[in-house]
């Protein structure tokens, strides 16, 4: 099925691609709502967070 603007032949293929997509989304993709910054830049205290 479709996910992340890409077609995957199986659920396992989609699940295998998910961690890289989440990393790109949170660490590299600019978000307009926070001044074109990546969401990771909004975290000021990572202690105890699992990202």
PDB file of N, CA and C in Angstrom:
ATOM      1  N   UNK A   1       0.796  -1.192   0.000  1.00  0.00           N
ATOM      2  CA  UNK A   1       0.000   0.000   0.000  1.00  0.00           C
ATOM      3  C   UNK A   1       0.841   1.259   0.000  1.00  0.00           C
ATOM      4  N   UNK A   2       0.151   2.369   0.003  1.00  0.00           N
ATOM      5  CA  UNK A   2       0.802   3.679  -0.020  1.00  0.00           C
ATOM      6  C   UNK A   2       1.136   4.144   1.393  1.00  0.00           C
ATOM      7  N   UNK A   3       2.287   4.727   1.542  1.00  0.00           N
ATOM      8  CA  UNK A   3       2.683   5.388   2.786  1.00  0.00           C
ATOM      9  C   UNK A   3       3.887   6.263   2.487  1.00  0.00           C
ATOM     10  N   UNK A   4       3.918   7.414   3.050  1.00  0.00           N
ATOM     11  CA  UNK A   4       5.063   8.314   2.909  1.00  0.00           C
ATOM     12  C   UNK A   4       5.335   8.664   1.451  1.00  0.00           C
ATOM     13  N   UNK A   5       4.275   8.836   0.646  1.00  0.00           N
ATOM     14  CA  UNK A   5       4.367   9.188  -0.775  1.00  0.00           C
ATOM     15  C   UNK A   5       5.080   8.123  -1.602  1.00  0.00           C
ATOM     16  N   UNK A   6       5.029   6.892  -1.171  1.00  0.00           N
ATOM     17  CA  UNK A   6       5.699   5.809  -1.881  1.00  0.00           C
ATOM     18  C   UNK A   6       4.832   4.557  -1.788  1.00  0.00           C
ATOM     19  N   UNK A   7       4.880   3.724  -2.823  1.00  0.00           N
ATOM     20  CA  UNK A   7       4.147   2.466  -2.796  1.00  0.00           C
ATOM     21  C   UNK A   7       5.064   1.364  -2.279  1.00  0.00           C
ATOM     22  N   UNK A   8       4.575   0.595  -1.325  1.00  0.00           N
ATOM     23  CA  UNK A   8       5.321  -0.541  -0.776  1.00  0.00           C
ATOM     24  C   UNK A   8       4.593  -1.822  -1.141  1.00  0.00           C
ATOM     25  N   UNK A   9       5.347  -2.836  -1.509  1.00  0.00           N
ATOM     26  CA  UNK A   9       4.770  -4.114  -1.918  1.00  0.00           C
ATOM     27  C   UNK A   9       4.266  -4.948  -0.750  1.00  0.00           C
ATOM     28  N   UNK A  10       4.718  -4.612   0.452  1.00  0.00           N
ATOM     29  CA  UNK A  10       4.291  -5.388   1.615  1.00  0.00           C
ATOM     30  C   UNK A  10       4.331  -4.516   2.864  1.00  0.00           C
ATOM     31  N   UNK A  11       3.631  -4.970   3.871  1.00  0.00           N
ATOM     32  CA  UNK A  11       3.646  -4.281   5.160  1.00  0.00           C
ATOM     33  C   UNK A  11       5.039  -4.326   5.769  1.00  0.00           C
ATOM     34  N   UNK A  12       5.746  -5.437   5.606  1.00  0.00           N
ATOM     35  CA  UNK A  12       7.093  -5.534   6.175  1.00  0.00           C
ATOM     36  C   UNK A  12       8.049  -4.559   5.496  1.00  0.00           C
ATOM     37  N   UNK A  13       7.890  -4.333   4.200  1.00  0.00           N
ATOM     38  CA  UNK A  13       8.727  -3.348   3.499  1.00  0.00           C
ATOM     39  C   UNK A  13       8.429  -1.941   4.003  1.00  0.00           C
ATOM     40  N   UNK A  14       7.149  -1.649   4.228  1.00  0.00           N
ATOM     41  CA  UNK A  14       6.775  -0.332   4.754  1.00  0.00           C
ATOM     42  C   UNK A  14       7.333  -0.138   6.155  1.00  0.00           C
ATOM     43  N   UNK A  15       7.212  -1.155   6.992  1.00  0.00           N
ATOM     44  CA  UNK A  15       7.729  -1.058   8.357  1.00  0.00           C
ATOM     45  C   UNK A  15       9.246  -0.909   8.381  1.00  0.00           C
ATOM     46  N   UNK A  16       9.933  -1.559   7.458  1.00  0.00           N
ATOM     47  CA  UNK A  16      11.389  -1.449   7.394  1.00  0.00           C
ATOM     48  C   UNK A  16      11.823  -0.034   7.020  1.00  0.00           C
ATOM     49  N   UNK A  17      11.024   0.658   6.221  1.00  0.00           N
ATOM     50  CA  UNK A  17      11.359   2.015   5.786  1.00  0.00           C
ATOM     51  C   UNK A  17      10.977   3.077   6.820  1.00  0.00           C
ATOM     52  N   UNK A  18      10.125   2.743   7.758  1.00  0.00           N
ATOM     53  CA  UNK A  18       9.598   3.725   8.699  1.00  0.00           C
ATOM     54  C   UNK A  18      10.662   4.434   9.540  1.00  0.00           C
ATOM     55  N   UNK A  19      11.617   3.753  10.161  1.00  0.00           N
ATOM     56  CA  UNK A  19      12.591   4.466  10.997  1.00  0.00           C
ATOM     57  C   UNK A  19      13.373   5.546  10.237  1.00  0.00           C
ATOM     58  N   UNK A  20      13.778   5.265   9.016  1.00  0.00           N
ATOM     59  CA  UNK A  20      14.512   6.265   8.232  1.00  0.00           C
ATOM     60  C   UNK A  20      13.623   7.456   7.910  1.00  0.00           C
ATOM     61  N   UNK A  21      12.349   7.197   7.598  1.00  0.00           N
ATOM     62  CA  UNK A  21      11.418   8.281   7.297  1.00  0.00           C
ATOM     63  C   UNK A  21      11.192   9.165   8.529  1.00  0.00           C
ATOM     64  N   UNK A  22      10.997   8.551   9.679  1.00  0.00           N
ATOM     65  CA  UNK A  22      10.777   9.301  10.919  1.00  0.00           C
ATOM     66  C   UNK A  22      12.012  10.144  11.248  1.00  0.00           C
ATOM     67  N   UNK A  23      13.198   9.569  11.075  1.00  0.00           N
ATOM     68  CA  UNK A  23      14.429  10.324  11.337  1.00  0.00           C
ATOM     69  C   UNK A  23      14.526  11.536  10.408  1.00  0.00           C
ATOM     70  N   UNK A  24      14.299  11.330   9.131  1.00  0.00           N
ATOM     71  CA  UNK A  24      14.343  12.436   8.164  1.00  0.00           C
ATOM     72  C   UNK A  24      13.324  13.510   8.542  1.00  0.00           C
ATOM     73  N   UNK A  25      12.124  13.106   8.876  1.00  0.00           N
ATOM     74  CA  UNK A  25      11.046  14.041   9.207  1.00  0.00           C
ATOM     75  C   UNK A  25      11.384  14.873  10.444  1.00  0.00           C
ATOM     76  N   UNK A  26      11.937  14.239  11.462  1.00  0.00           N
ATOM     77  CA  UNK A  26      12.191  14.933  12.724  1.00  0.00           C
ATOM     78  C   UNK A  26      13.536  15.641  12.806  1.00  0.00           C
ATOM     79  N   UNK A  27      14.522  15.190  12.037  1.00  0.00           N
ATOM     80  CA  UNK A  27      15.869  15.746  12.162  1.00  0.00           C
ATOM     81  C   UNK A  27      16.293  16.629  10.992  1.00  0.00           C
ATOM     82  N   UNK A  28      15.687  16.487   9.834  1.00  0.00           N
ATOM     83  CA  UNK A  28      16.186  17.189   8.652  1.00  0.00           C
ATOM     84  C   UNK A  28      15.136  18.000   7.900  1.00  0.00           C
ATOM     85  N   UNK A  29      13.898  17.597   7.913  1.00  0.00           N
ATOM     86  CA  UNK A  29      12.862  18.273   7.128  1.00  0.00           C
ATOM     87  C   UNK A  29      12.459  19.582   7.797  1.00  0.00           C
ATOM     88  N   UNK A  30      12.511  20.708   7.070  1.00  0.00           N
ATOM     89  CA  UNK A  30      12.083  21.976   7.657  1.00  0.00           C
ATOM     90  C   UNK A  30      10.562  22.031   7.816  1.00  0.00           C
ATOM     91  N   UNK A  31      10.115  22.538   8.948  1.00  0.00           N
ATOM     92  CA  UNK A  31       8.687  22.650   9.238  1.00  0.00           C
ATOM     93  C   UNK A  31       8.313  24.127   9.300  1.00  0.00           C
ATOM     94  N   UNK A  32       7.358  24.516   8.488  1.00  0.00           N
ATOM     95  CA  UNK A  32       6.994  25.934   8.401  1.00  0.00           C
ATOM     96  C   UNK A  32       6.436  26.481   9.715  1.00  0.00           C
ATOM     97  N   UNK A  33       5.775  25.662  10.502  1.00  0.00           N
ATOM     98  CA  UNK A  33       5.172  26.134  11.750  1.00  0.00           C
ATOM     99  C   UNK A  33       6.211  26.541  12.794  1.00  0.00           C
ATOM    100  N   UNK A  34       7.436  26.082  12.631  1.00  0.00           N
ATOM    101  CA  UNK A  34       8.488  26.432  13.598  1.00  0.00           C
ATOM    102  C   UNK A  34       9.650  27.129  12.898  1.00  0.00           C
ATOM    103  N   UNK A  35       9.313  27.979  11.952  1.00  0.00           N
ATOM    104  CA  UNK A  35      10.321  28.805  11.291  1.00  0.00           C
ATOM    105  C   UNK A  35      11.271  28.058  10.388  1.00  0.00           C
ATOM    106  N   UNK A  36      10.775  27.040   9.721  1.00  0.00           N
ATOM    107  CA  UNK A  36      11.573  26.219   8.793  1.00  0.00           C
ATOM    108  C   UNK A  36      12.670  25.421   9.498  1.00  0.00           C
ATOM    109  N   UNK A  37      12.536  25.236  10.792  1.00  0.00           N
ATOM    110  CA  UNK A  37      13.494  24.428  11.545  1.00  0.00           C
ATOM    111  C   UNK A  37      12.995  22.992  11.618  1.00  0.00           C
ATOM    112  N   UNK A  38      13.908  22.086  11.888  1.00  0.00           N
ATOM    113  CA  UNK A  38      13.534  20.688  12.103  1.00  0.00           C
ATOM    114  C   UNK A  38      12.990  20.544  13.526  1.00  0.00           C
ATOM    115  N   UNK A  39      12.024  19.668  13.746  1.00  0.00           N
ATOM    116  CA  UNK A  39      11.452  19.513  15.086  1.00  0.00           C
ATOM    117  C   UNK A  39      12.486  19.212  16.171  1.00  0.00           C
ATOM    118  N   UNK A  40      13.532  18.494  15.838  1.00  0.00           N
ATOM    119  CA  UNK A  40      14.545  18.144  16.838  1.00  0.00           C
ATOM    120  C   UNK A  40      15.162  19.390  17.456  1.00  0.00           C
ATOM    121  N   UNK A  41      15.188  20.498  16.723  1.00  0.00           N
ATOM    122  CA  UNK A  41      15.783  21.727  17.250  1.00  0.00           C
ATOM    123  C   UNK A  41      14.947  22.336  18.363  1.00  0.00           C
ATOM    124  N   UNK A  42      13.714  21.922  18.505  1.00  0.00           N
ATOM    125  CA  UNK A  42      12.835  22.458  19.543  1.00  0.00           C
ATOM    126  C   UNK A  42      13.035  21.763  20.888  1.00  0.00           C
ATOM    127  N   UNK A  43      13.733  20.651  20.894  1.00  0.00           N
ATOM    128  CA  UNK A  43      13.983  19.936  22.147  1.00  0.00           C
ATOM    129  C   UNK A  43      15.178  20.559  22.848  1.00  0.00           C
ATOM    130  N   UNK A  44      14.994  20.932  24.088  1.00  0.00           N
ATOM    131  CA  UNK A  44      16.090  21.545  24.832  1.00  0.00           C
ATOM    132  C   UNK A  44      16.646  20.625  25.906  1.00  0.00           C
ATOM    133  N   UNK A  45      15.920  19.583  26.256  1.00  0.00           N
ATOM    134  CA  UNK A  45      16.369  18.664  27.290  1.00  0.00           C
ATOM    135  C   UNK A  45      16.028  17.249  26.840  1.00  0.00           C
ATOM    136  N   UNK A  46      17.026  16.526  26.356  1.00  0.00           N
ATOM    137  CA  UNK A  46      16.782  15.183  25.840  1.00  0.00           C
ATOM    138  C   UNK A  46      16.863  14.095  26.903  1.00  0.00           C
ATOM    139  N   UNK A  47      17.304  14.433  28.092  1.00  0.00           N
ATOM    140  CA  UNK A  47      17.418  13.420  29.143  1.00  0.00           C
ATOM    141  C   UNK A  47      16.062  12.760  29.380  1.00  0.00           C
ATOM    142  N   UNK A  48      16.045  11.456  29.270  1.00  0.00           N
ATOM    143  CA  UNK A  48      14.822  10.714  29.508  1.00  0.00           C
ATOM    144  C   UNK A  48      13.919  10.571  28.304  1.00  0.00           C
ATOM    145  N   UNK A  49      14.262  11.216  27.201  1.00  0.00           N
ATOM    146  CA  UNK A  49      13.463  11.101  25.985  1.00  0.00           C
ATOM    147  C   UNK A  49      14.038  10.000  25.097  1.00  0.00           C
ATOM    148  N   UNK A  50      13.192   9.267  24.476  1.00  0.00           N
ATOM    149  CA  UNK A  50      13.608   8.215  23.552  1.00  0.00           C
ATOM    150  C   UNK A  50      13.168   8.633  22.165  1.00  0.00           C
ATOM    151  N   UNK A  51      14.104   9.154  21.381  1.00  0.00           N
ATOM    152  CA  UNK A  51      13.767   9.609  20.035  1.00  0.00           C
ATOM    153  C   UNK A  51      14.586   8.882  19.007  1.00  0.00           C
TER     154      UNK A  51
END
